[in-house]
């Protein structure tokens, strides 16, 4: 089966999403450009794209081309769903955020994590990245008045996580040992 590196795959997902969202903004849709839901999604994609270069230490594991195509397709479709939900949302106000300075804690932590020789077991307190991902999509859907395309996107994320759950669990056990994952919360009880 054809494969690509995990790092290249994850970077492609978020860059495709950002490019699609930027392309939609260039269409000069005033309702879209002023919608907070679009800003939320753009910030989410930007954060994830930056993490792929600055934070994540990737394993040598490969992504199948099917998984790569599914991820790229998802991140091409989600900006369209966000756009349609944002246009449907009546009169949102502009959201402006100050830029983060280059010496802020996230950038310092990014340099620290990137320097680690081994991928550490993620420890994020109460909000694990996977759970955070689902919460972001639910927030986008709720802010855009529960649009069918956004609901489909949320379902895709949950189903994708459920399908890959056993392989992910096996990888964590092999990498960190059974004791390291005991007591970790499951996104979908009984699955992972």
C-alpha atoms as a PDB file:
ATOM      1  CA  UNK A   1       0.000   0.000   0.000  1.00  0.00           C
ATOM      2  CA  UNK A   2       1.319   3.472  -0.847  1.00  0.00           C
ATOM      3  CA  UNK A   3       2.160   5.706   2.111  1.00  0.00           C
ATOM      4  CA  UNK A   4       3.486   9.129   3.077  1.00  0.00           C
ATOM      5  CA  UNK A   5       5.150  10.332   6.277  1.00  0.00           C
ATOM      6  CA  UNK A   6       2.858  11.186   9.178  1.00  0.00           C
ATOM      7  CA  UNK A   7       4.371  14.668   9.439  1.00  0.00           C
ATOM      8  CA  UNK A   8       3.697  15.450   5.769  1.00  0.00           C
ATOM      9  CA  UNK A   9       0.157  14.109   6.014  1.00  0.00           C
ATOM     10  CA  UNK A  10      -0.851  16.121   9.062  1.00  0.00           C
ATOM     11  CA  UNK A  11       0.733  19.282   7.674  1.00  0.00           C
ATOM     12  CA  UNK A  12      -1.143  18.786   4.406  1.00  0.00           C
ATOM     13  CA  UNK A  13      -4.476  18.461   6.240  1.00  0.00           C
ATOM     14  CA  UNK A  14      -4.263  21.820   7.997  1.00  0.00           C
ATOM     15  CA  UNK A  15      -2.626  23.724   5.151  1.00  0.00           C
ATOM     16  CA  UNK A  16      -5.334  22.547   2.735  1.00  0.00           C
ATOM     17  CA  UNK A  17      -7.999  23.705   5.202  1.00  0.00           C
ATOM     18  CA  UNK A  18      -6.352  27.103   5.662  1.00  0.00           C
ATOM     19  CA  UNK A  19      -5.953  27.555   1.898  1.00  0.00           C
ATOM     20  CA  UNK A  20      -9.609  26.659   1.299  1.00  0.00           C
ATOM     21  CA  UNK A  21     -10.786  29.026   4.038  1.00  0.00           C
ATOM     22  CA  UNK A  22      -8.551  31.831   2.733  1.00  0.00           C
ATOM     23  CA  UNK A  23      -9.902  31.236  -0.783  1.00  0.00           C
ATOM     24  CA  UNK A  24     -13.451  31.607   0.525  1.00  0.00           C
ATOM     25  CA  UNK A  25     -12.540  34.853   2.282  1.00  0.00           C
ATOM     26  CA  UNK A  26     -11.147  36.195  -1.002  1.00  0.00           C
ATOM     27  CA  UNK A  27     -14.604  35.751  -2.539  1.00  0.00           C
ATOM     28  CA  UNK A  28     -15.576  38.914  -0.601  1.00  0.00           C
ATOM     29  CA  UNK A  29     -18.552  37.445   1.194  1.00  0.00           C
ATOM     30  CA  UNK A  30     -19.269  40.145   3.775  1.00  0.00           C
ATOM     31  CA  UNK A  31     -21.318  37.942   6.055  1.00  0.00           C
ATOM     32  CA  UNK A  32     -18.598  35.306   5.918  1.00  0.00           C
ATOM     33  CA  UNK A  33     -15.745  37.764   6.528  1.00  0.00           C
ATOM     34  CA  UNK A  34     -17.418  39.152   9.661  1.00  0.00           C
ATOM     35  CA  UNK A  35     -18.575  35.881  11.180  1.00  0.00           C
ATOM     36  CA  UNK A  36     -16.965  34.785  14.440  1.00  0.00           C
ATOM     37  CA  UNK A  37     -17.443  31.162  13.426  1.00  0.00           C
ATOM     38  CA  UNK A  38     -14.995  31.648  10.538  1.00  0.00           C
ATOM     39  CA  UNK A  39     -12.447  33.283  12.840  1.00  0.00           C
ATOM     40  CA  UNK A  40     -12.797  30.382  15.292  1.00  0.00           C
ATOM     41  CA  UNK A  41     -12.228  27.809  12.567  1.00  0.00           C
ATOM     42  CA  UNK A  42      -9.303  29.763  11.073  1.00  0.00           C
ATOM     43  CA  UNK A  43      -7.632  30.032  14.493  1.00  0.00           C
ATOM     44  CA  UNK A  44      -8.161  26.322  15.085  1.00  0.00           C
ATOM     45  CA  UNK A  45      -6.589  25.401  11.726  1.00  0.00           C
ATOM     46  CA  UNK A  46      -3.722  27.843  12.242  1.00  0.00           C
ATOM     47  CA  UNK A  47      -3.020  26.463  15.715  1.00  0.00           C
ATOM     48  CA  UNK A  48      -3.000  22.891  14.410  1.00  0.00           C
ATOM     49  CA  UNK A  49      -0.786  23.832  11.430  1.00  0.00           C
ATOM     50  CA  UNK A  50       1.738  25.543  13.725  1.00  0.00           C
ATOM     51  CA  UNK A  51       1.708  22.519  16.050  1.00  0.00           C
ATOM     52  CA  UNK A  52       2.652  20.240  13.155  1.00  0.00           C
ATOM     53  CA  UNK A  53       5.861  22.215  12.616  1.00  0.00           C
ATOM     54  CA  UNK A  54       6.722  23.402  16.127  1.00  0.00           C
ATOM     55  CA  UNK A  55       5.323  20.972  18.694  1.00  0.00           C
ATOM     56  CA  UNK A  56       4.765  17.457  17.403  1.00  0.00           C
ATOM     57  CA  UNK A  57       7.609  14.978  17.354  1.00  0.00           C
ATOM     58  CA  UNK A  58       6.469  12.407  14.808  1.00  0.00           C
ATOM     59  CA  UNK A  59       6.968   8.697  14.927  1.00  0.00           C
ATOM     60  CA  UNK A  60       8.386   7.000  11.826  1.00  0.00           C
ATOM     61  CA  UNK A  61       4.896   5.569  11.237  1.00  0.00           C
ATOM     62  CA  UNK A  62       3.369   6.205   7.806  1.00  0.00           C
ATOM     63  CA  UNK A  63      -0.093   7.310   6.691  1.00  0.00           C
ATOM     64  CA  UNK A  64      -1.781   5.332   3.950  1.00  0.00           C
ATOM     65  CA  UNK A  65      -2.732   7.296   0.862  1.00  0.00           C
ATOM     66  CA  UNK A  66      -6.369   6.500   1.651  1.00  0.00           C
ATOM     67  CA  UNK A  67      -6.011   8.151   5.072  1.00  0.00           C
ATOM     68  CA  UNK A  68      -4.207  11.095   3.480  1.00  0.00           C
ATOM     69  CA  UNK A  69      -6.968  11.505   0.862  1.00  0.00           C
ATOM     70  CA  UNK A  70      -9.705  11.243   3.517  1.00  0.00           C
ATOM     71  CA  UNK A  71      -8.009  13.890   5.674  1.00  0.00           C
ATOM     72  CA  UNK A  72      -7.395  16.269   2.782  1.00  0.00           C
ATOM     73  CA  UNK A  73     -11.003  15.778   1.638  1.00  0.00           C
ATOM     74  CA  UNK A  74     -12.263  16.529   5.141  1.00  0.00           C
ATOM     75  CA  UNK A  75     -10.195  19.708   5.439  1.00  0.00           C
ATOM     76  CA  UNK A  76     -11.358  20.822   1.989  1.00  0.00           C
ATOM     77  CA  UNK A  77     -15.009  20.209   2.886  1.00  0.00           C
ATOM     78  CA  UNK A  78     -15.023  21.731   6.393  1.00  0.00           C
ATOM     79  CA  UNK A  79     -14.277  25.319   5.244  1.00  0.00           C
ATOM     80  CA  UNK A  80     -17.232  25.014   2.853  1.00  0.00           C
ATOM     81  CA  UNK A  81     -19.426  23.845   5.740  1.00  0.00           C
ATOM     82  CA  UNK A  82     -18.156  26.654   7.966  1.00  0.00           C
ATOM     83  CA  UNK A  83     -18.789  29.164   5.168  1.00  0.00           C
ATOM     84  CA  UNK A  84     -22.347  28.009   4.607  1.00  0.00           C
ATOM     85  CA  UNK A  85     -23.050  28.048   8.355  1.00  0.00           C
ATOM     86  CA  UNK A  86     -21.484  31.515   8.705  1.00  0.00           C
ATOM     87  CA  UNK A  87     -23.540  32.917   5.836  1.00  0.00           C
ATOM     88  CA  UNK A  88     -26.641  31.414   7.458  1.00  0.00           C
ATOM     89  CA  UNK A  89     -25.825  33.072  10.791  1.00  0.00           C
ATOM     90  CA  UNK A  90     -27.482  36.474  10.985  1.00  0.00           C
ATOM     91  CA  UNK A  91     -25.353  39.566  11.666  1.00  0.00           C
ATOM     92  CA  UNK A  92     -22.322  38.423  13.608  1.00  0.00           C
ATOM     93  CA  UNK A  93     -19.898  41.005  14.938  1.00  0.00           C
ATOM     94  CA  UNK A  94     -16.202  41.195  14.094  1.00  0.00           C
ATOM     95  CA  UNK A  95     -13.769  39.515  16.418  1.00  0.00           C
ATOM     96  CA  UNK A  96     -10.291  40.999  16.716  1.00  0.00           C
ATOM     97  CA  UNK A  97      -7.468  39.360  18.609  1.00  0.00           C
ATOM     98  CA  UNK A  98      -4.018  40.798  19.324  1.00  0.00           C
ATOM     99  CA  UNK A  99      -1.139  38.830  17.772  1.00  0.00           C
ATOM    100  CA  UNK A 100       0.827  36.613  20.139  1.00  0.00           C
ATOM    101  CA  UNK A 101       4.396  37.800  20.773  1.00  0.00           C
ATOM    102  CA  UNK A 102       7.124  35.377  19.642  1.00  0.00           C
ATOM    103  CA  UNK A 103       8.283  34.864  23.247  1.00  0.00           C
ATOM    104  CA  UNK A 104       4.849  33.942  24.592  1.00  0.00           C
ATOM    105  CA  UNK A 105       4.485  30.616  26.491  1.00  0.00           C
ATOM    106  CA  UNK A 106       3.071  28.612  23.525  1.00  0.00           C
ATOM    107  CA  UNK A 107       6.069  29.500  21.352  1.00  0.00           C
ATOM    108  CA  UNK A 108       8.538  28.736  24.176  1.00  0.00           C
ATOM    109  CA  UNK A 109       6.835  25.391  24.840  1.00  0.00           C
ATOM    110  CA  UNK A 110       6.904  24.645  21.126  1.00  0.00           C
ATOM    111  CA  UNK A 111      10.701  25.059  21.063  1.00  0.00           C
ATOM    112  CA  UNK A 112      11.006  22.856  24.161  1.00  0.00           C
ATOM    113  CA  UNK A 113       8.809  20.059  22.754  1.00  0.00           C
ATOM    114  CA  UNK A 114      10.559  20.155  19.388  1.00  0.00           C
ATOM    115  CA  UNK A 115      13.928  19.620  21.121  1.00  0.00           C
ATOM    116  CA  UNK A 116      12.773  16.398  22.823  1.00  0.00           C
ATOM    117  CA  UNK A 117      14.441  13.282  21.375  1.00  0.00           C
ATOM    118  CA  UNK A 118      11.417  11.073  22.037  1.00  0.00           C
ATOM    119  CA  UNK A 119       7.717  11.664  21.557  1.00  0.00           C
ATOM    120  CA  UNK A 120       6.292  12.193  25.062  1.00  0.00           C
ATOM    121  CA  UNK A 121       2.948  10.850  26.243  1.00  0.00           C
ATOM    122  CA  UNK A 122       0.525  13.785  25.845  1.00  0.00           C
ATOM    123  CA  UNK A 123      -0.549  15.222  29.195  1.00  0.00           C
ATOM    124  CA  UNK A 124      -3.087  18.001  28.862  1.00  0.00           C
ATOM    125  CA  UNK A 125      -5.022  18.002  32.115  1.00  0.00           C
ATOM    126  CA  UNK A 126      -8.767  18.179  31.639  1.00  0.00           C
ATOM    127  CA  UNK A 127      -8.861  18.974  27.919  1.00  0.00           C
ATOM    128  CA  UNK A 128      -7.070  16.412  25.773  1.00  0.00           C
ATOM    129  CA  UNK A 129      -6.393  17.435  22.142  1.00  0.00           C
ATOM    130  CA  UNK A 130      -8.882  14.924  20.721  1.00  0.00           C
ATOM    131  CA  UNK A 131     -11.640  16.063  23.052  1.00  0.00           C
ATOM    132  CA  UNK A 132     -10.703  19.670  22.282  1.00  0.00           C
ATOM    133  CA  UNK A 133     -11.022  18.974  18.557  1.00  0.00           C
ATOM    134  CA  UNK A 134     -14.576  17.692  18.994  1.00  0.00           C
ATOM    135  CA  UNK A 135     -15.480  20.646  21.257  1.00  0.00           C
ATOM    136  CA  UNK A 136     -14.199  23.120  18.631  1.00  0.00           C
ATOM    137  CA  UNK A 137     -16.379  21.537  15.952  1.00  0.00           C
ATOM    138  CA  UNK A 138     -19.433  21.518  18.230  1.00  0.00           C
ATOM    139  CA  UNK A 139     -18.796  25.201  19.053  1.00  0.00           C
ATOM    140  CA  UNK A 140     -18.509  26.040  15.355  1.00  0.00           C
ATOM    141  CA  UNK A 141     -21.713  24.154  14.611  1.00  0.00           C
ATOM    142  CA  UNK A 142     -23.575  25.821  17.492  1.00  0.00           C
ATOM    143  CA  UNK A 143     -22.345  29.312  16.535  1.00  0.00           C
ATOM    144  CA  UNK A 144     -23.448  28.686  12.960  1.00  0.00           C
ATOM    145  CA  UNK A 145     -26.929  27.515  13.952  1.00  0.00           C
ATOM    146  CA  UNK A 146     -26.494  23.739  13.624  1.00  0.00           C
ATOM    147  CA  UNK A 147     -25.967  23.369   9.939  1.00  0.00           C
ATOM    148  CA  UNK A 148     -26.208  19.871   8.396  1.00  0.00           C
ATOM    149  CA  UNK A 149     -22.738  20.142   6.815  1.00  0.00           C
ATOM    150  CA  UNK A 150     -21.122  21.025  10.147  1.00  0.00           C
ATOM    151  CA  UNK A 151     -22.969  18.210  11.873  1.00  0.00           C
ATOM    152  CA  UNK A 152     -21.590  15.868   9.220  1.00  0.00           C
ATOM    153  CA  UNK A 153     -18.083  17.209   9.945  1.00  0.00           C
ATOM    154  CA  UNK A 154     -18.454  16.534  13.665  1.00  0.00           C
ATOM    155  CA  UNK A 155     -19.680  13.010  12.904  1.00  0.00           C
ATOM    156  CA  UNK A 156     -16.686  12.442  10.596  1.00  0.00           C
ATOM    157  CA  UNK A 157     -14.256  13.411  13.373  1.00  0.00           C
ATOM    158  CA  UNK A 158     -15.940  11.150  15.929  1.00  0.00           C
ATOM    159  CA  UNK A 159     -16.205   8.205  13.493  1.00  0.00           C
ATOM    160  CA  UNK A 160     -12.585   8.674  12.366  1.00  0.00           C
ATOM    161  CA  UNK A 161     -11.434   8.624  15.990  1.00  0.00           C
ATOM    162  CA  UNK A 162     -13.538   5.544  16.715  1.00  0.00           C
ATOM    163  CA  UNK A 163     -12.194   3.667  13.672  1.00  0.00           C
ATOM    164  CA  UNK A 164      -8.569   4.422  14.532  1.00  0.00           C
ATOM    165  CA  UNK A 165      -9.018   3.958  18.301  1.00  0.00           C
ATOM    166  CA  UNK A 166      -7.713   0.403  18.614  1.00  0.00           C
ATOM    167  CA  UNK A 167      -4.595   1.106  16.537  1.00  0.00           C
ATOM    168  CA  UNK A 168      -3.972   4.258  18.574  1.00  0.00           C
ATOM    169  CA  UNK A 169      -4.366   2.357  21.850  1.00  0.00           C
ATOM    170  CA  UNK A 170      -1.955  -0.364  20.670  1.00  0.00           C
ATOM    171  CA  UNK A 171       0.588   2.268  19.621  1.00  0.00           C
ATOM    172  CA  UNK A 172       0.392   4.034  23.021  1.00  0.00           C
ATOM    173  CA  UNK A 173       0.849   0.728  24.878  1.00  0.00           C
ATOM    174  CA  UNK A 174       3.825  -0.236  22.673  1.00  0.00           C
ATOM    175  CA  UNK A 175       5.420   3.200  23.009  1.00  0.00           C
ATOM    176  CA  UNK A 176       4.747   4.039  26.675  1.00  0.00           C
ATOM    177  CA  UNK A 177       3.603   0.808  28.343  1.00  0.00           C
ATOM    178  CA  UNK A 178       0.227  -0.257  29.711  1.00  0.00           C
ATOM    179  CA  UNK A 179       0.749   1.605  33.014  1.00  0.00           C
ATOM    180  CA  UNK A 180       1.098   4.958  31.240  1.00  0.00           C
ATOM    181  CA  UNK A 181      -2.398   4.840  29.756  1.00  0.00           C
ATOM    182  CA  UNK A 182      -4.336   3.351  32.680  1.00  0.00           C
ATOM    183  CA  UNK A 183      -7.109   5.699  33.747  1.00  0.00           C
ATOM    184  CA  UNK A 184      -7.051   7.829  30.604  1.00  0.00           C
ATOM    185  CA  UNK A 185     -10.521   9.049  29.667  1.00  0.00           C
ATOM    186  CA  UNK A 186     -12.192   7.681  26.568  1.00  0.00           C
ATOM    187  CA  UNK A 187     -13.732   9.985  23.984  1.00  0.00           C
ATOM    188  CA  UNK A 188     -16.304   7.325  23.169  1.00  0.00           C
ATOM    189  CA  UNK A 189     -16.884   5.090  26.220  1.00  0.00           C
ATOM    190  CA  UNK A 190     -16.161   1.464  25.404  1.00  0.00           C
ATOM    191  CA  UNK A 191     -14.285   2.385  22.215  1.00  0.00           C
ATOM    192  CA  UNK A 192     -11.461   4.855  23.070  1.00  0.00           C
END
